[in-house]
PDB file of N, CA and C in Angstrom:
ATOM      1  N   MET A   1       0.824  -1.180   0.000  1.00  0.00           N
ATOM      2  CA  MET A   1       0.000   0.000   0.000  1.00  0.00           C
ATOM      3  C   MET A   1       0.870   1.245   0.000  1.00  0.00           C
ATOM      4  N   SER A   2       1.993   1.197  -0.670  1.00  0.00           N
ATOM      5  CA  SER A   2       2.851   2.367  -0.727  1.00  0.00           C
ATOM      6  C   SER A   2       2.322   3.316  -1.800  1.00  0.00           C
ATOM      7  N   TYR A   3       2.353   4.580  -1.495  1.00  0.00           N
ATOM      8  CA  TYR A   3       1.833   5.588  -2.391  1.00  0.00           C
ATOM      9  C   TYR A   3       2.540   6.905  -2.100  1.00  0.00           C
ATOM     10  N   TYR A   4       2.471   7.804  -3.037  1.00  0.00           N
ATOM     11  CA  TYR A   4       3.050   9.122  -2.877  1.00  0.00           C
ATOM     12  C   TYR A   4       1.959  10.054  -2.382  1.00  0.00           C
ATOM     13  N   SER A   5       2.256  10.856  -1.369  1.00  0.00           N
ATOM     14  CA  SER A   5       1.263  11.752  -0.808  1.00  0.00           C
ATOM     15  C   SER A   5       1.753  13.193  -0.853  1.00  0.00           C
ATOM     16  N   LEU A   6       0.876  14.082  -1.233  1.00  0.00           N
ATOM     17  CA  LEU A   6       1.161  15.505  -1.232  1.00  0.00           C
ATOM     18  C   LEU A   6       0.778  16.168   0.088  1.00  0.00           C
ATOM     19  N   ALA A   7       0.201  15.398   1.006  1.00  0.00           N
ATOM     20  CA  ALA A   7      -0.307  15.960   2.251  1.00  0.00           C
ATOM     21  C   ALA A   7       0.757  16.708   3.050  1.00  0.00           C
ATOM     22  N   PRO A   8       1.981  16.183   3.241  1.00  0.00           N
ATOM     23  CA  PRO A   8       2.962  16.951   4.013  1.00  0.00           C
ATOM     24  C   PRO A   8       3.287  18.307   3.389  1.00  0.00           C
ATOM     25  N   MET A   9       3.390  18.356   2.073  1.00  0.00           N
ATOM     26  CA  MET A   9       3.690  19.617   1.388  1.00  0.00           C
ATOM     27  C   MET A   9       2.523  20.599   1.539  1.00  0.00           C
ATOM     28  N   ILE A  10       1.306  20.089   1.435  1.00  0.00           N
ATOM     29  CA  ILE A  10       0.128  20.953   1.545  1.00  0.00           C
ATOM     30  C   ILE A  10      -0.004  21.500   2.961  1.00  0.00           C
ATOM     31  N   LYS A  11       0.274  20.672   3.955  1.00  0.00           N
ATOM     32  CA  LYS A  11       0.180  21.128   5.351  1.00  0.00           C
ATOM     33  C   LYS A  11       1.224  22.185   5.674  1.00  0.00           C
ATOM     34  N   GLN A  12       2.369  22.153   5.023  1.00  0.00           N
ATOM     35  CA  GLN A  12       3.417  23.144   5.275  1.00  0.00           C
ATOM     36  C   GLN A  12       3.097  24.482   4.627  1.00  0.00           C
ATOM     37  N   SER A  13       2.392  24.484   3.526  1.00  0.00           N
ATOM     38  CA  SER A  13       2.055  25.709   2.813  1.00  0.00           C
ATOM     39  C   SER A  13       0.724  26.242   3.327  1.00  0.00           C
ATOM     40  N   LYS A  14       0.763  27.378   4.029  1.00  0.00           N
ATOM     41  CA  LYS A  14      -0.466  27.937   4.605  1.00  0.00           C
ATOM     42  C   LYS A  14      -1.484  28.318   3.535  1.00  0.00           C
ATOM     43  N   GLY A  15      -1.011  28.908   2.446  1.00  0.00           N
ATOM     44  CA  GLY A  15      -1.926  29.318   1.383  1.00  0.00           C
ATOM     45  C   GLY A  15      -2.606  28.139   0.721  1.00  0.00           C
ATOM     46  N   MET A  16      -1.820  27.121   0.416  1.00  0.00           N
ATOM     47  CA  MET A  16      -2.383  25.941  -0.229  1.00  0.00           C
ATOM     48  C   MET A  16      -3.333  25.202   0.719  1.00  0.00           C
ATOM     49  N   PHE A  17      -2.969  25.169   2.002  1.00  0.00           N
ATOM     50  CA  PHE A  17      -3.823  24.510   2.990  1.00  0.00           C
ATOM     51  C   PHE A  17      -5.156  25.240   3.113  1.00  0.00           C
ATOM     52  N   LYS A  18      -5.127  26.571   3.192  1.00  0.00           N
ATOM     53  CA  LYS A  18      -6.370  27.342   3.300  1.00  0.00           C
ATOM     54  C   LYS A  18      -7.234  27.180   2.062  1.00  0.00           C
ATOM     55  N   TRP A  19      -6.612  26.998   0.897  1.00  0.00           N
ATOM     56  CA  TRP A  19      -7.348  26.850  -0.344  1.00  0.00           C
ATOM     57  C   TRP A  19      -7.961  25.458  -0.473  1.00  0.00           C
ATOM     58  N   LEU A  20      -7.230  24.409  -0.049  1.00  0.00           N
ATOM     59  CA  LEU A  20      -7.692  23.032  -0.236  1.00  0.00           C
ATOM     60  C   LEU A  20      -8.509  22.477   0.929  1.00  0.00           C
ATOM     61  N   LYS A  21      -8.411  23.066   2.111  1.00  0.00           N
ATOM     62  CA  LYS A  21      -9.132  22.542   3.282  1.00  0.00           C
ATOM     63  C   LYS A  21     -10.642  22.506   3.063  1.00  0.00           C
ATOM     64  N   PRO A  22     -11.285  23.577   2.559  1.00  0.00           N
ATOM     65  CA  PRO A  22     -12.735  23.499   2.325  1.00  0.00           C
ATOM     66  C   PRO A  22     -13.113  22.426   1.301  1.00  0.00           C
ATOM     67  N   ILE A  23     -12.275  22.247   0.289  1.00  0.00           N
ATOM     68  CA  ILE A  23     -12.554  21.210  -0.708  1.00  0.00           C
ATOM     69  C   ILE A  23     -12.474  19.832  -0.072  1.00  0.00           C
ATOM     70  N   ALA A  24     -11.464  19.625   0.757  1.00  0.00           N
ATOM     71  CA  ALA A  24     -11.307  18.340   1.437  1.00  0.00           C
ATOM     72  C   ALA A  24     -12.465  18.087   2.398  1.00  0.00           C
ATOM     73  N   ASP A  25     -12.895  19.123   3.111  1.00  0.00           N
ATOM     74  CA  ASP A  25     -14.024  18.962   4.031  1.00  0.00           C
ATOM     75  C   ASP A  25     -15.308  18.618   3.287  1.00  0.00           C
ATOM     76  N   ASN A  26     -15.551  19.284   2.161  1.00  0.00           N
ATOM     77  CA  ASN A  26     -16.748  18.979   1.366  1.00  0.00           C
ATOM     78  C   ASN A  26     -16.682  17.572   0.786  1.00  0.00           C
ATOM     79  N   TYR A  27     -15.489  17.145   0.383  1.00  0.00           N
ATOM     80  CA  TYR A  27     -15.347  15.780  -0.136  1.00  0.00           C
ATOM     81  C   TYR A  27     -15.648  14.753   0.959  1.00  0.00           C
ATOM     82  N   ALA A  28     -15.111  14.979   2.156  1.00  0.00           N
ATOM     83  CA  ALA A  28     -15.364  14.052   3.258  1.00  0.00           C
ATOM     84  C   ALA A  28     -16.855  14.007   3.602  1.00  0.00           C
ATOM     85  N   LYS A  29     -17.516  15.154   3.495  1.00  0.00           N
ATOM     86  CA  LYS A  29     -18.956  15.188   3.761  1.00  0.00           C
ATOM     87  C   LYS A  29     -19.723  14.442   2.670  1.00  0.00           C
ATOM     88  N   ALA A  30     -19.263  14.567   1.419  1.00  0.00           N
ATOM     89  CA  ALA A  30     -19.940  13.917   0.297  1.00  0.00           C
ATOM     90  C   ALA A  30     -19.760  12.400   0.322  1.00  0.00           C
ATOM     91  N   VAL A  31     -18.645  11.932   0.837  1.00  0.00           N
ATOM     92  CA  VAL A  31     -18.424  10.480   0.903  1.00  0.00           C
ATOM     93  C   VAL A  31     -19.510   9.830   1.748  1.00  0.00           C
ATOM     94  N   GLY A  32     -19.879  10.447   2.839  1.00  0.00           N
ATOM     95  CA  GLY A  32     -21.010   9.984   3.628  1.00  0.00           C
ATOM     96  C   GLY A  32     -20.704   8.922   4.664  1.00  0.00           C
ATOM     97  N   HIS A  33     -19.449   8.584   4.871  1.00  0.00           N
ATOM     98  CA  HIS A  33     -19.157   7.528   5.853  1.00  0.00           C
ATOM     99  C   HIS A  33     -19.462   7.974   7.272  1.00  0.00           C
ATOM    100  N   ARG A  34     -19.393   9.259   7.538  1.00  0.00           N
ATOM    101  CA  ARG A  34     -19.676   9.754   8.897  1.00  0.00           C
ATOM    102  C   ARG A  34     -21.169   9.672   9.221  1.00  0.00           C
ATOM    103  N   GLN A  35     -22.016   9.690   8.202  1.00  0.00           N
ATOM    104  CA  GLN A  35     -23.462   9.571   8.427  1.00  0.00           C
ATOM    105  C   GLN A  35     -23.829   8.178   8.933  1.00  0.00           C
ATOM    106  N   TYR A  36     -22.935   7.237   8.703  1.00  0.00           N
ATOM    107  CA  TYR A  36     -23.159   5.871   9.160  1.00  0.00           C
ATOM    108  C   TYR A  36     -22.366   5.545  10.425  1.00  0.00           C
ATOM    109  N   GLY A  37     -21.634   6.533  10.936  1.00  0.00           N
ATOM    110  CA  GLY A  37     -20.840   6.318  12.141  1.00  0.00           C
ATOM    111  C   GLY A  37     -19.483   5.697  11.874  1.00  0.00           C
ATOM    112  N   LEU A  38     -19.067   5.635  10.602  1.00  0.00           N
ATOM    113  CA  LEU A  38     -17.783   5.017  10.260  1.00  0.00           C
ATOM    114  C   LEU A  38     -16.646   6.028  10.326  1.00  0.00           C
ATOM    115  N   ARG A  39     -15.470   5.539  10.634  1.00  0.00           N
ATOM    116  CA  ARG A  39     -14.257   6.329  10.521  1.00  0.00           C
ATOM    117  C   ARG A  39     -13.638   6.042   9.157  1.00  0.00           C
ATOM    118  N   TYR A  40     -12.718   6.920   8.753  1.00  0.00           N
ATOM    119  CA  TYR A  40     -12.095   6.770   7.437  1.00  0.00           C
ATOM    120  C   TYR A  40     -11.397   5.418   7.307  1.00  0.00           C
ATOM    121  N   ASP A  41     -10.692   4.988   8.341  1.00  0.00           N
ATOM    122  CA  ASP A  41      -9.945   3.732   8.266  1.00  0.00           C
ATOM    123  C   ASP A  41     -10.858   2.506   8.194  1.00  0.00           C
ATOM    124  N   ASP A  42     -12.129   2.667   8.520  1.00  0.00           N
ATOM    125  CA  ASP A  42     -13.070   1.550   8.369  1.00  0.00           C
ATOM    126  C   ASP A  42     -13.356   1.259   6.899  1.00  0.00           C
ATOM    127  N   LEU A  43     -13.035   2.209   6.017  1.00  0.00           N
ATOM    128  CA  LEU A  43     -13.302   2.052   4.588  1.00  0.00           C
ATOM    129  C   LEU A  43     -12.166   1.363   3.835  1.00  0.00           C
ATOM    130  N   LEU A  44     -11.024   1.173   4.482  1.00  0.00           N
ATOM    131  CA  LEU A  44      -9.872   0.570   3.817  1.00  0.00           C
ATOM    132  C   LEU A  44     -10.135  -0.902   3.514  1.00  0.00           C
ATOM    133  N   ILE A  45      -9.551  -1.372   2.427  1.00  0.00           N
ATOM    134  CA  ILE A  45      -9.740  -2.754   1.996  1.00  0.00           C
ATOM    135  C   ILE A  45      -9.049  -3.698   2.980  1.00  0.00           C
ATOM    136  N   GLU A  46      -9.774  -4.692   3.452  1.00  0.00           N
ATOM    137  CA  GLU A  46      -9.264  -5.590   4.490  1.00  0.00           C
ATOM    138  C   GLU A  46      -8.460  -6.764   3.957  1.00  0.00           C
ATOM    139  N   GLU A  47      -8.525  -7.041   2.677  1.00  0.00           N
ATOM    140  CA  GLU A  47      -7.957  -8.275   2.148  1.00  0.00           C
ATOM    141  C   GLU A  47      -6.451  -8.226   1.916  1.00  0.00           C
ATOM    142  N   THR A  48      -5.791  -7.143   2.249  1.00  0.00           N
ATOM    143  CA  THR A  48      -4.341  -7.074   2.086  1.00  0.00           C
ATOM    144  C   THR A  48      -3.659  -7.661   3.322  1.00  0.00           C
ATOM    145  N   PRO A  49      -2.496  -8.257   3.157  1.00  0.00           N
ATOM    146  CA  PRO A  49      -1.792  -8.825   4.315  1.00  0.00           C
ATOM    147  C   PRO A  49      -1.445  -7.769   5.370  1.00  0.00           C
ATOM    148  N   GLU A  50      -1.089  -6.562   4.917  1.00  0.00           N
ATOM    149  CA  GLU A  50      -0.755  -5.505   5.864  1.00  0.00           C
ATOM    150  C   GLU A  50      -1.963  -5.135   6.718  1.00  0.00           C
ATOM    151  N   MET A  51      -3.124  -5.061   6.078  1.00  0.00           N
ATOM    152  CA  MET A  51      -4.349  -4.712   6.798  1.00  0.00           C
ATOM    153  C   MET A  51      -4.715  -5.806   7.795  1.00  0.00           C
ATOM    154  N   GLN A  52      -4.539  -7.056   7.409  1.00  0.00           N
ATOM    155  CA  GLN A  52      -4.834  -8.160   8.320  1.00  0.00           C
ATOM    156  C   GLN A  52      -3.935  -8.098   9.555  1.00  0.00           C
ATOM    157  N   LYS A  53      -2.653  -7.806   9.342  1.00  0.00           N
ATOM    158  CA  LYS A  53      -1.739  -7.672  10.481  1.00  0.00           C
ATOM    159  C   LYS A  53      -2.122  -6.486  11.353  1.00  0.00           C
ATOM    160  N   ALA A  54      -2.502  -5.375  10.716  1.00  0.00           N
ATOM    161  CA  ALA A  54      -2.883  -4.175  11.468  1.00  0.00           C
ATOM    162  C   ALA A  54      -4.129  -4.425  12.302  1.00  0.00           C
ATOM    163  N   ILE A  55      -5.101  -5.120  11.743  1.00  0.00           N
ATOM    164  CA  ILE A  55      -6.319  -5.437  12.500  1.00  0.00           C
ATOM    165  C   ILE A  55      -5.965  -6.334  13.682  1.00  0.00           C
ATOM    166  N   GLY A  56      -5.028  -7.246  13.489  1.00  0.00           N
ATOM    167  CA  GLY A  56      -4.593  -8.118  14.579  1.00  0.00           C
ATOM    168  C   GLY A  56      -3.857  -7.376  15.684  1.00  0.00           C
ATOM    169  N   ARG A  57      -3.271  -6.221  15.357  1.00  0.00           N
ATOM    170  CA  ARG A  57      -2.533  -5.443  16.359  1.00  0.00           C
ATOM    171  C   ARG A  57      -3.398  -4.443  17.116  1.00  0.00           C
ATOM    172  N   LEU A  58      -4.665  -4.326  16.744  1.00  0.00           N
ATOM    173  CA  LEU A  58      -5.554  -3.414  17.456  1.00  0.00           C
ATOM    174  C   LEU A  58      -5.769  -3.886  18.887  1.00  0.00           C
ATOM    175  N   THR A  59      -6.018  -2.926  19.765  1.00  0.00           N
ATOM    176  CA  THR A  59      -6.365  -3.296  21.138  1.00  0.00           C
ATOM    177  C   THR A  59      -7.744  -3.947  21.120  1.00  0.00           C
ATOM    178  N   PRO A  60      -8.070  -4.731  22.135  1.00  0.00           N
ATOM    179  CA  PRO A  60      -9.405  -5.357  22.146  1.00  0.00           C
ATOM    180  C   PRO A  60     -10.541  -4.336  22.047  1.00  0.00           C
ATOM    181  N   ARG A  61     -10.391  -3.187  22.682  1.00  0.00           N
ATOM    182  CA  ARG A  61     -11.441  -2.165  22.636  1.00  0.00           C
ATOM    183  C   ARG A  61     -11.594  -1.600  21.221  1.00  0.00           C
ATOM    184  N   GLU A  62     -10.464  -1.267  20.563  1.00  0.00           N
ATOM    185  CA  GLU A  62     -10.526  -0.744  19.197  1.00  0.00           C
ATOM    186  C   GLU A  62     -11.118  -1.780  18.250  1.00  0.00           C
ATOM    187  N   SER A  63     -10.747  -3.024  18.440  1.00  0.00           N
ATOM    188  CA  SER A  63     -11.260  -4.091  17.592  1.00  0.00           C
ATOM    189  C   SER A  63     -12.769  -4.248  17.780  1.00  0.00           C
ATOM    190  N   TYR A  64     -13.222  -4.220  19.026  1.00  0.00           N
ATOM    191  CA  TYR A  64     -14.654  -4.323  19.310  1.00  0.00           C
ATOM    192  C   TYR A  64     -15.416  -3.154  18.691  1.00  0.00           C
ATOM    193  N   ASP A  65     -14.878  -1.932  18.877  1.00  0.00           N
ATOM    194  CA  ASP A  65     -15.540  -0.751  18.328  1.00  0.00           C
ATOM    195  C   ASP A  65     -15.631  -0.820  16.810  1.00  0.00           C
ATOM    196  N   ARG A  66     -14.575  -1.314  16.174  1.00  0.00           N
ATOM    197  CA  ARG A  66     -14.554  -1.432  14.717  1.00  0.00           C
ATOM    198  C   ARG A  66     -15.619  -2.416  14.234  1.00  0.00           C
ATOM    199  N   VAL A  67     -15.683  -3.561  14.873  1.00  0.00           N
ATOM    200  CA  VAL A  67     -16.675  -4.569  14.489  1.00  0.00           C
ATOM    201  C   VAL A  67     -18.092  -4.038  14.734  1.00  0.00           C
ATOM    202  N   TYR A  68     -18.287  -3.323  15.850  1.00  0.00           N
ATOM    203  CA  TYR A  68     -19.599  -2.749  16.147  1.00  0.00           C
ATOM    204  C   TYR A  68     -20.017  -1.750  15.068  1.00  0.00           C
ATOM    205  N   ARG A  69     -19.064  -0.886  14.658  1.00  0.00           N
ATOM    206  CA  ARG A  69     -19.387   0.090  13.603  1.00  0.00           C
ATOM    207  C   ARG A  69     -19.743  -0.616  12.303  1.00  0.00           C
ATOM    208  N   LEU A  70     -18.998  -1.650  11.944  1.00  0.00           N
ATOM    209  CA  LEU A  70     -19.272  -2.363  10.693  1.00  0.00           C
ATOM    210  C   LEU A  70     -20.610  -3.105  10.746  1.00  0.00           C
ATOM    211  N   ARG A  71     -20.927  -3.690  11.878  1.00  0.00           N
ATOM    212  CA  ARG A  71     -22.236  -4.365  12.007  1.00  0.00           C
ATOM    213  C   ARG A  71     -23.381  -3.370  11.943  1.00  0.00           C
ATOM    214  N   THR A  72     -23.182  -2.213  12.557  1.00  0.00           N
ATOM    215  CA  THR A  72     -24.205  -1.176  12.500  1.00  0.00           C
ATOM    216  C   THR A  72     -24.447  -0.735  11.061  1.00  0.00           C
ATOM    217  N   VAL A  73     -23.362  -0.583  10.298  1.00  0.00           N
ATOM    218  CA  VAL A  73     -23.489  -0.175   8.896  1.00  0.00           C
ATOM    219  C   VAL A  73     -24.235  -1.230   8.085  1.00  0.00           C
ATOM    220  N   HIS A  74     -23.939  -2.487   8.336  1.00  0.00           N
ATOM    221  CA  HIS A  74     -24.651  -3.548   7.608  1.00  0.00           C
ATOM    222  C   HIS A  74     -26.143  -3.511   7.938  1.00  0.00           C
ATOM    223  N   GLN A  75     -26.472  -3.296   9.182  1.00  0.00           N
ATOM    224  CA  GLN A  75     -27.884  -3.213   9.567  1.00  0.00           C
ATOM    225  C   GLN A  75     -28.558  -2.002   8.915  1.00  0.00           C
ATOM    226  N   LEU A  76     -27.855  -0.864   8.913  1.00  0.00           N
ATOM    227  CA  LEU A  76     -28.414   0.328   8.268  1.00  0.00           C
ATOM    228  C   LEU A  76     -28.570   0.124   6.769  1.00  0.00           C
ATOM    229  N   SER A  77     -27.656  -0.622   6.168  1.00  0.00           N
ATOM    230  CA  SER A  77     -27.751  -0.918   4.741  1.00  0.00           C
ATOM    231  C   SER A  77     -28.984  -1.754   4.440  1.00  0.00           C
ATOM    232  N   VAL A  78     -29.259  -2.728   5.281  1.00  0.00           N
ATOM    233  CA  VAL A  78     -30.443  -3.566   5.095  1.00  0.00           C
ATOM    234  C   VAL A  78     -31.712  -2.723   5.227  1.00  0.00           C
ATOM    235  N   LEU A  79     -31.692  -1.772   6.156  1.00  0.00           N
ATOM    236  CA  LEU A  79     -32.859  -0.922   6.389  1.00  0.00           C
ATOM    237  C   LEU A  79     -32.945   0.256   5.422  1.00  0.00           C
ATOM    238  N   HIS A  80     -31.928   0.446   4.571  1.00  0.00           N
ATOM    239  CA  HIS A  80     -31.873   1.554   3.615  1.00  0.00           C
ATOM    240  C   HIS A  80     -32.037   2.903   4.311  1.00  0.00           C
ATOM    241  N   THR A  81     -31.246   3.122   5.365  1.00  0.00           N
ATOM    242  CA  THR A  81     -31.322   4.360   6.125  1.00  0.00           C
ATOM    243  C   THR A  81     -29.948   4.740   6.641  1.00  0.00           C
ATOM    244  N   THR A  82     -29.840   5.898   7.250  1.00  0.00           N
ATOM    245  CA  THR A  82     -28.614   6.333   7.912  1.00  0.00           C
ATOM    246  C   THR A  82     -28.906   6.513   9.394  1.00  0.00           C
ATOM    247  N   LEU A  83     -27.861   6.791  10.147  1.00  0.00           N
ATOM    248  CA  LEU A  83     -28.045   7.054  11.572  1.00  0.00           C
ATOM    249  C   LEU A  83     -28.787   8.369  11.776  1.00  0.00           C
ATOM    250  N   PRO A  84     -29.435   8.532  12.926  1.00  0.00           N
ATOM    251  CA  PRO A  84     -29.999   9.853  13.226  1.00  0.00           C
ATOM    252  C   PRO A  84     -28.878  10.891  13.274  1.00  0.00           C
ATOM    253  N   LYS A  85     -29.192  12.116  12.925  1.00  0.00           N
ATOM    254  CA  LYS A  85     -28.179  13.160  12.801  1.00  0.00           C
ATOM    255  C   LYS A  85     -27.363  13.342  14.079  1.00  0.00           C
ATOM    256  N   ASP A  86     -27.952  13.133  15.241  1.00  0.00           N
ATOM    257  CA  ASP A  86     -27.205  13.315  16.496  1.00  0.00           C
ATOM    258  C   ASP A  86     -26.186  12.193  16.736  1.00  0.00           C
ATOM    259  N   LYS A  87     -26.261  11.108  15.970  1.00  0.00           N
ATOM    260  CA  LYS A  87     -25.321  10.004  16.128  1.00  0.00           C
ATOM    261  C   LYS A  87     -24.270   9.946  15.019  1.00  0.00           C
ATOM    262  N   TRP A  88     -24.298  10.909  14.112  1.00  0.00           N
ATOM    263  CA  TRP A  88     -23.279  10.969  13.071  1.00  0.00           C
ATOM    264  C   TRP A  88     -21.924  11.219  13.719  1.00  0.00           C
ATOM    265  N   LEU A  89     -20.886  10.752  13.077  1.00  0.00           N
ATOM    266  CA  LEU A  89     -19.535  10.927  13.590  1.00  0.00           C
ATOM    267  C   LEU A  89     -19.060  12.358  13.321  1.00  0.00           C
ATOM    268  N   ASP A  90     -18.580  13.013  14.364  1.00  0.00           N
ATOM    269  CA  ASP A  90     -18.035  14.357  14.195  1.00  0.00           C
ATOM    270  C   ASP A  90     -16.694  14.287  13.472  1.00  0.00           C
ATOM    271  N   PRO A  91     -16.383  15.296  12.670  1.00  0.00           N
ATOM    272  CA  PRO A  91     -15.077  15.288  11.977  1.00  0.00           C
ATOM    273  C   PRO A  91     -13.896  15.204  12.937  1.00  0.00           C
ATOM    274  N   LYS A  92     -14.011  15.785  14.129  1.00  0.00           N
ATOM    275  CA  LYS A  92     -12.902  15.717  15.089  1.00  0.00           C
ATOM    276  C   LYS A  92     -12.717  14.305  15.646  1.00  0.00           C
ATOM    277  N   ASP A  93     -13.751  13.479  15.585  1.00  0.00           N
ATOM    278  CA  ASP A  93     -13.654  12.100  16.064  1.00  0.00           C
ATOM    279  C   ASP A  93     -13.218  11.124  14.970  1.00  0.00           C
ATOM    280  N   ASP A  94     -13.145  11.614  13.739  1.00  0.00           N
ATOM    281  CA  ASP A  94     -12.751  10.765  12.612  1.00  0.00           C
ATOM    282  C   ASP A  94     -11.229  10.731  12.515  1.00  0.00           C
ATOM    283  N   VAL A  95     -10.617  10.014  13.439  1.00  0.00           N
ATOM    284  CA  VAL A  95      -9.154   9.937  13.500  1.00  0.00           C
ATOM    285  C   VAL A  95      -8.682   8.648  12.843  1.00  0.00           C
ATOM    286  N   ARG A  96      -7.480   8.680  12.331  1.00  0.00           N
ATOM    287  CA  ARG A  96      -6.880   7.494  11.717  1.00  0.00           C
ATOM    288  C   ARG A  96      -6.362   6.591  12.830  1.00  0.00           C
ATOM    289  N   TYR A  97      -6.922   5.434  12.963  1.00  0.00           N
ATOM    290  CA  TYR A  97      -6.461   4.504  13.985  1.00  0.00           C
ATOM    291  C   TYR A  97      -5.724   3.313  13.384  1.00  0.00           C
ATOM    292  N   LEU A  98      -5.945   3.006  12.129  1.00  0.00           N
ATOM    293  CA  LEU A  98      -5.258   1.890  11.467  1.00  0.00           C
ATOM    294  C   LEU A  98      -4.084   2.341  10.596  1.00  0.00           C
ATOM    295  N   SER A  99      -4.173   3.512  10.028  1.00  0.00           N
ATOM    296  CA  SER A  99      -3.129   3.974   9.111  1.00  0.00           C
ATOM    297  C   SER A  99      -1.735   4.006   9.740  1.00  0.00           C
ATOM    298  N   PRO A 100      -1.574   4.506  10.981  1.00  0.00           N
ATOM    299  CA  PRO A 100      -0.230   4.478  11.578  1.00  0.00           C
ATOM    300  C   PRO A 100       0.297   3.053  11.764  1.00  0.00           C
ATOM    301  N   ILE A 101      -0.579   2.129  12.090  1.00  0.00           N
ATOM    302  CA  ILE A 101      -0.164   0.739  12.271  1.00  0.00           C
ATOM    303  C   ILE A 101       0.232   0.145  10.926  1.00  0.00           C
ATOM    304  N   ILE A 102      -0.520   0.448   9.880  1.00  0.00           N
ATOM    305  CA  ILE A 102      -0.204  -0.054   8.538  1.00  0.00           C
ATOM    306  C   ILE A 102       1.136   0.499   8.067  1.00  0.00           C
ATOM    307  N   GLU A 103       1.389   1.789   8.305  1.00  0.00           N
ATOM    308  CA  GLU A 103       2.670   2.379   7.918  1.00  0.00           C
ATOM    309  C   GLU A 103       3.818   1.718   8.673  1.00  0.00           C
ATOM    310  N   GLU A 104       3.614   1.420   9.948  1.00  0.00           N
ATOM    311  CA  GLU A 104       4.640   0.736  10.746  1.00  0.00           C
ATOM    312  C   GLU A 104       4.918  -0.661  10.184  1.00  0.00           C
ATOM    313  N   ILE A 105       3.877  -1.359   9.803  1.00  0.00           N
ATOM    314  CA  ILE A 105       4.025  -2.710   9.236  1.00  0.00           C
ATOM    315  C   ILE A 105       4.764  -2.638   7.898  1.00  0.00           C
ATOM    316  N   GLU A 106       4.407  -1.675   7.045  1.00  0.00           N
ATOM    317  CA  GLU A 106       5.082  -1.530   5.756  1.00  0.00           C
ATOM    318  C   GLU A 106       6.556  -1.183   5.942  1.00  0.00           C
ATOM    319  N   GLN A 107       6.847  -0.326   6.930  1.00  0.00           N
ATOM    320  CA  GLN A 107       8.232   0.039   7.200  1.00  0.00           C
ATOM    321  C   GLN A 107       9.035  -1.171   7.670  1.00  0.00           C
ATOM    322  N   SER A 108       8.451  -1.963   8.558  1.00  0.00           N
ATOM    323  CA  SER A 108       9.167  -3.151   9.049  1.00  0.00           C
ATOM    324  C   SER A 108       9.322  -4.185   7.932  1.00  0.00           C
ATOM    325  N   GLU A 109       8.359  -4.250   7.022  1.00  0.00           N
ATOM    326  CA  GLU A 109       8.465  -5.171   5.885  1.00  0.00           C
ATOM    327  C   GLU A 109       9.587  -4.741   4.945  1.00  0.00           C
ATOM    328  N   LYS A 110       9.712  -3.439   4.700  1.00  0.00           N
ATOM    329  CA  LYS A 110      10.805  -2.931   3.860  1.00  0.00           C
ATOM    330  C   LYS A 110      12.158  -3.225   4.518  1.00  0.00           C
ATOM    331  N   GLU A 111      12.214  -3.037   5.824  1.00  0.00           N
ATOM    332  CA  GLU A 111      13.455  -3.311   6.550  1.00  0.00           C
ATOM    333  C   GLU A 111      13.798  -4.797   6.484  1.00  0.00           C
ATOM    334  N   ARG A 112      12.786  -5.641   6.637  1.00  0.00           N
ATOM    335  CA  ARG A 112      13.015  -7.085   6.568  1.00  0.00           C
ATOM    336  C   ARG A 112      13.495  -7.484   5.179  1.00  0.00           C
ATOM    337  N   GLN A 113      12.872  -6.900   4.140  1.00  0.00           N
ATOM    338  CA  GLN A 113      13.294  -7.185   2.770  1.00  0.00           C
ATOM    339  C   GLN A 113      14.745  -6.751   2.532  1.00  0.00           C
ATOM    340  N   ALA A 114      15.114  -5.603   3.100  1.00  0.00           N
ATOM    341  CA  ALA A 114      16.486  -5.117   2.940  1.00  0.00           C
ATOM    342  C   ALA A 114      17.477  -6.072   3.606  1.00  0.00           C
ATOM    343  N   TRP A 115      17.127  -6.574   4.784  1.00  0.00           N
ATOM    344  CA  TRP A 115      18.030  -7.508   5.483  1.00  0.00           C
ATOM    345  C   TRP A 115      18.044  -8.873   4.802  1.00  0.00           C
ATOM    346  N   ASP A 116      16.913  -9.305   4.276  1.00  0.00           N
ATOM    347  CA  ASP A 116      16.854 -10.606   3.602  1.00  0.00           C
ATOM    348  C   ASP A 116      17.640 -10.612   2.289  1.00  0.00           C
ATOM    349  N   SER A 117      17.719  -9.466   1.640  1.00  0.00           N
ATOM    350  CA  SER A 117      18.412  -9.415   0.357  1.00  0.00           C
ATOM    351  C   SER A 117      19.863  -8.932   0.491  1.00  0.00           C
ATOM    352  N   ALA A 118      20.342  -8.810   1.707  1.00  0.00           N
ATOM    353  CA  ALA A 118      21.721  -8.360   1.917  1.00  0.00           C
ATOM    354  C   ALA A 118      22.700  -9.431   1.443  1.00  0.00           C
ATOM    355  N   ASP A 119      23.749  -8.989   0.790  1.00  0.00           N
ATOM    356  CA  ASP A 119      24.789  -9.910   0.326  1.00  0.00           C
ATOM    357  C   ASP A 119      25.841 -10.055   1.416  1.00  0.00           C
ATOM    358  N   VAL A 120      26.110 -11.282   1.779  1.00  0.00           N
ATOM    359  CA  VAL A 120      27.127 -11.573   2.784  1.00  0.00           C
ATOM    360  C   VAL A 120      28.318 -12.156   2.065  1.00  0.00           C
ATOM    361  N   LYS A 121      29.447 -11.526   2.235  1.00  0.00           N
ATOM    362  CA  LYS A 121      30.667 -12.006   1.602  1.00  0.00           C
ATOM    363  C   LYS A 121      31.565 -12.607   2.676  1.00  0.00           C
ATOM    364  N   VAL A 122      31.925 -13.856   2.470  1.00  0.00           N
ATOM    365  CA  VAL A 122      32.789 -14.561   3.414  1.00  0.00           C
ATOM    366  C   VAL A 122      34.228 -14.375   2.956  1.00  0.00           C
ATOM    367  N   GLN A 123      35.047 -13.939   3.854  1.00  0.00           N
ATOM    368  CA  GLN A 123      36.466 -13.758   3.533  1.00  0.00           C
ATOM    369  C   GLN A 123      37.237 -14.967   4.049  1.00  0.00           C
ATOM    370  N   ASN A 124      37.988 -15.548   3.175  1.00  0.00           N
ATOM    371  CA  ASN A 124      38.840 -16.682   3.571  1.00  0.00           C
ATOM    372  C   ASN A 124      40.150 -16.158   4.129  1.00  0.00           C
ATOM    373  N   LYS A 125      40.580 -16.719   5.235  1.00  0.00           N
ATOM    374  CA  LYS A 125      41.837 -16.303   5.851  1.00  0.00           C
ATOM    375  C   LYS A 125      42.980 -17.141   5.410  1.00  0.00           C
TER     376      LYS A 125
END
């Protein structure tokens, strides 16, 4: 799941951040995941090995909350409705809880690959 991100550059530039922040907020509102009580990381594809490891590293409480949110969404999908407006997820509560773990796993995988592919030269005395 390696990708190039412009986010650090945009956050450093005050002008660009002020210009793009309203667009990003409107996009997040249009996606609609907060109307169902989901966090952004709940939308990530689960079938990748990195994601499976990250889900396994969640605390029991985070794991329970994640499963509860997903079950709630499935029930709302069956009922063809959204949560009541007072139960929508606030933007300040929509924090990334899996992304840092996934980045840590990818970093350790790159490090492991670097060590596994290291050439060892034996010197004869």
